[in-house]
Amino acid sequence: MKSSYPGNNNRVEVAALPRGGRAVRDSKDPRGPVPAFAPGAAVGAFLASLASDTLISG
């Protein structure tokens, strides 16, 4: 699944993993890191922080 916001080139791809997990990547950087999440709310919180631009790295 791909997601994007109008007027914005930021795209996130989400892939279903076995047993309900999810993997996420930046579609502009397909060789970059691919965080993987176990089933549950963690992936939703991660994607919400990306959408609201509140993700803190480091």
N, C-alpha and C. Protein backbone atom coordinates (compact mmCIF):
# COMPACT_ATOMS: atom_id res chain seq x y z
N MET A 1 0.85 -1.15 0.00
CA MET A 1 0.00 0.00 0.00
C MET A 1 0.90 1.23 0.00
N LYS A 2 0.56 2.22 -0.80
CA LYS A 2 1.29 3.47 -0.83
C LYS A 2 0.39 4.59 -0.32
N SER A 3 1.00 5.55 0.32
CA SER A 3 0.25 6.68 0.84
C SER A 3 0.97 7.96 0.46
N SER A 4 0.21 8.97 0.11
CA SER A 4 0.79 10.29 -0.15
C SER A 4 -0.25 11.34 0.18
N TYR A 5 0.23 12.55 0.38
CA TYR A 5 -0.64 13.68 0.66
C TYR A 5 -0.62 14.62 -0.54
N PRO A 6 -1.76 15.23 -0.89
CA PRO A 6 -1.80 16.13 -2.05
C PRO A 6 -0.75 17.24 -1.96
N GLY A 7 -0.09 17.51 -3.08
CA GLY A 7 0.90 18.57 -3.13
C GLY A 7 2.19 18.23 -2.41
N ASN A 8 2.42 16.96 -2.15
CA ASN A 8 3.56 16.54 -1.35
C ASN A 8 4.16 15.31 -2.00
N ASN A 9 5.47 15.26 -2.15
CA ASN A 9 6.12 14.09 -2.75
C ASN A 9 6.54 13.05 -1.74
N ASN A 10 6.17 13.22 -0.48
CA ASN A 10 6.51 12.23 0.54
C ASN A 10 5.58 11.04 0.41
N ARG A 11 6.18 9.87 0.23
CA ARG A 11 5.38 8.66 0.09
C ARG A 11 5.92 7.58 1.02
N VAL A 12 5.00 6.88 1.62
CA VAL A 12 5.35 5.77 2.51
C VAL A 12 4.69 4.52 1.97
N GLU A 13 5.45 3.44 1.88
CA GLU A 13 4.90 2.15 1.49
C GLU A 13 4.83 1.26 2.72
N VAL A 14 3.71 0.57 2.86
CA VAL A 14 3.50 -0.35 3.98
C VAL A 14 3.24 -1.72 3.41
N ALA A 15 3.98 -2.72 3.88
CA ALA A 15 3.81 -4.09 3.41
C ALA A 15 3.37 -4.97 4.58
N ALA A 16 2.45 -5.87 4.29
CA ALA A 16 2.01 -6.84 5.29
C ALA A 16 3.07 -7.92 5.44
N LEU A 17 3.38 -8.29 6.67
CA LEU A 17 4.33 -9.36 6.95
C LEU A 17 3.58 -10.56 7.52
N PRO A 18 4.22 -11.72 7.54
CA PRO A 18 3.57 -12.89 8.13
C PRO A 18 3.14 -12.61 9.57
N ARG A 19 2.06 -13.19 9.96
CA ARG A 19 1.52 -13.09 11.33
C ARG A 19 1.04 -11.68 11.69
N GLY A 20 0.74 -10.85 10.70
CA GLY A 20 0.13 -9.57 10.97
C GLY A 20 1.06 -8.39 11.16
N GLY A 21 2.35 -8.59 11.05
CA GLY A 21 3.28 -7.48 11.19
C GLY A 21 3.24 -6.56 9.98
N ARG A 22 3.94 -5.44 10.05
CA ARG A 22 4.01 -4.48 8.95
C ARG A 22 5.44 -3.99 8.79
N ALA A 23 5.83 -3.76 7.54
CA ALA A 23 7.12 -3.14 7.22
C ALA A 23 6.82 -1.82 6.52
N VAL A 24 7.64 -0.81 6.77
CA VAL A 24 7.41 0.53 6.25
C VAL A 24 8.69 1.01 5.57
N ARG A 25 8.54 1.69 4.42
CA ARG A 25 9.72 2.28 3.78
C ARG A 25 9.33 3.55 3.05
N ASP A 26 10.34 4.37 2.79
CA ASP A 26 10.20 5.58 1.99
C ASP A 26 10.33 5.16 0.54
N SER A 27 9.30 5.36 -0.26
CA SER A 27 9.34 4.88 -1.64
C SER A 27 10.37 5.62 -2.48
N LYS A 28 10.83 6.80 -2.05
CA LYS A 28 11.88 7.51 -2.77
C LYS A 28 13.26 6.92 -2.48
N ASP A 29 13.37 6.09 -1.46
CA ASP A 29 14.65 5.50 -1.06
C ASP A 29 14.45 3.99 -0.84
N PRO A 30 14.17 3.24 -1.91
CA PRO A 30 13.85 1.82 -1.76
C PRO A 30 14.97 0.97 -1.17
N ARG A 31 16.20 1.44 -1.20
CA ARG A 31 17.32 0.70 -0.61
C ARG A 31 17.61 1.14 0.82
N GLY A 32 16.84 2.10 1.32
CA GLY A 32 17.05 2.63 2.67
C GLY A 32 16.49 1.70 3.74
N PRO A 33 16.47 2.17 4.96
CA PRO A 33 16.00 1.35 6.08
C PRO A 33 14.52 0.98 5.93
N VAL A 34 14.18 -0.19 6.45
CA VAL A 34 12.80 -0.68 6.41
C VAL A 34 12.41 -1.10 7.83
N PRO A 35 11.85 -0.16 8.61
CA PRO A 35 11.40 -0.55 9.95
C PRO A 35 10.31 -1.60 9.86
N ALA A 36 10.37 -2.59 10.72
CA ALA A 36 9.35 -3.64 10.78
C ALA A 36 8.68 -3.59 12.14
N PHE A 37 7.37 -3.80 12.15
CA PHE A 37 6.58 -3.71 13.37
C PHE A 37 5.80 -4.99 13.59
N ALA A 38 5.73 -5.40 14.84
CA ALA A 38 4.88 -6.53 15.22
C ALA A 38 3.42 -6.07 15.14
N PRO A 39 2.48 -6.99 15.11
CA PRO A 39 1.07 -6.59 15.10
C PRO A 39 0.75 -5.71 16.31
N GLY A 40 -0.09 -4.73 16.10
CA GLY A 40 -0.50 -3.85 17.20
C GLY A 40 -0.49 -2.40 16.78
N ALA A 41 -0.57 -1.54 17.76
CA ALA A 41 -0.74 -0.11 17.51
C ALA A 41 0.56 0.62 17.19
N ALA A 42 1.72 0.01 17.37
CA ALA A 42 2.99 0.71 17.17
C ALA A 42 3.13 1.26 15.75
N VAL A 43 2.75 0.49 14.75
CA VAL A 43 2.87 0.98 13.37
C VAL A 43 1.94 2.15 13.14
N GLY A 44 0.76 2.12 13.71
CA GLY A 44 -0.17 3.25 13.58
C GLY A 44 0.38 4.51 14.20
N ALA A 45 0.99 4.39 15.37
CA ALA A 45 1.59 5.54 16.03
C ALA A 45 2.76 6.09 15.21
N PHE A 46 3.56 5.20 14.64
CA PHE A 46 4.69 5.60 13.80
C PHE A 46 4.20 6.37 12.58
N LEU A 47 3.20 5.83 11.87
CA LEU A 47 2.68 6.48 10.68
C LEU A 47 2.01 7.81 11.03
N ALA A 48 1.33 7.88 12.16
CA ALA A 48 0.70 9.13 12.59
C ALA A 48 1.77 10.20 12.86
N SER A 49 2.91 9.79 13.45
CA SER A 49 3.97 10.76 13.71
C SER A 49 4.60 11.25 12.42
N LEU A 50 4.67 10.39 11.40
CA LEU A 50 5.16 10.83 10.09
C LEU A 50 4.19 11.82 9.47
N ALA A 51 2.91 11.50 9.54
CA ALA A 51 1.89 12.35 8.92
C ALA A 51 1.84 13.73 9.57
N SER A 52 2.07 13.79 10.87
CA SER A 52 1.99 15.07 11.59
C SER A 52 3.35 15.74 11.70
N ASP A 53 4.39 15.11 11.11
CA ASP A 53 5.75 15.64 11.14
C ASP A 53 6.26 15.84 12.57
N THR A 54 5.93 14.89 13.44
CA THR A 54 6.39 14.97 14.83
C THR A 54 7.38 13.86 15.17
N LEU A 55 7.85 13.13 14.19
CA LEU A 55 8.82 12.07 14.45
C LEU A 55 10.15 12.70 14.85
N ILE A 56 10.71 12.23 15.93
CA ILE A 56 12.00 12.73 16.42
C ILE A 56 13.02 11.64 16.20
N SER A 57 14.07 11.94 15.44
CA SER A 57 15.11 10.94 15.21
C SER A 57 16.30 11.22 16.11
N GLY A 58 17.07 10.18 16.30
CA GLY A 58 18.30 10.39 17.03
C GLY A 58 18.35 9.60 18.25
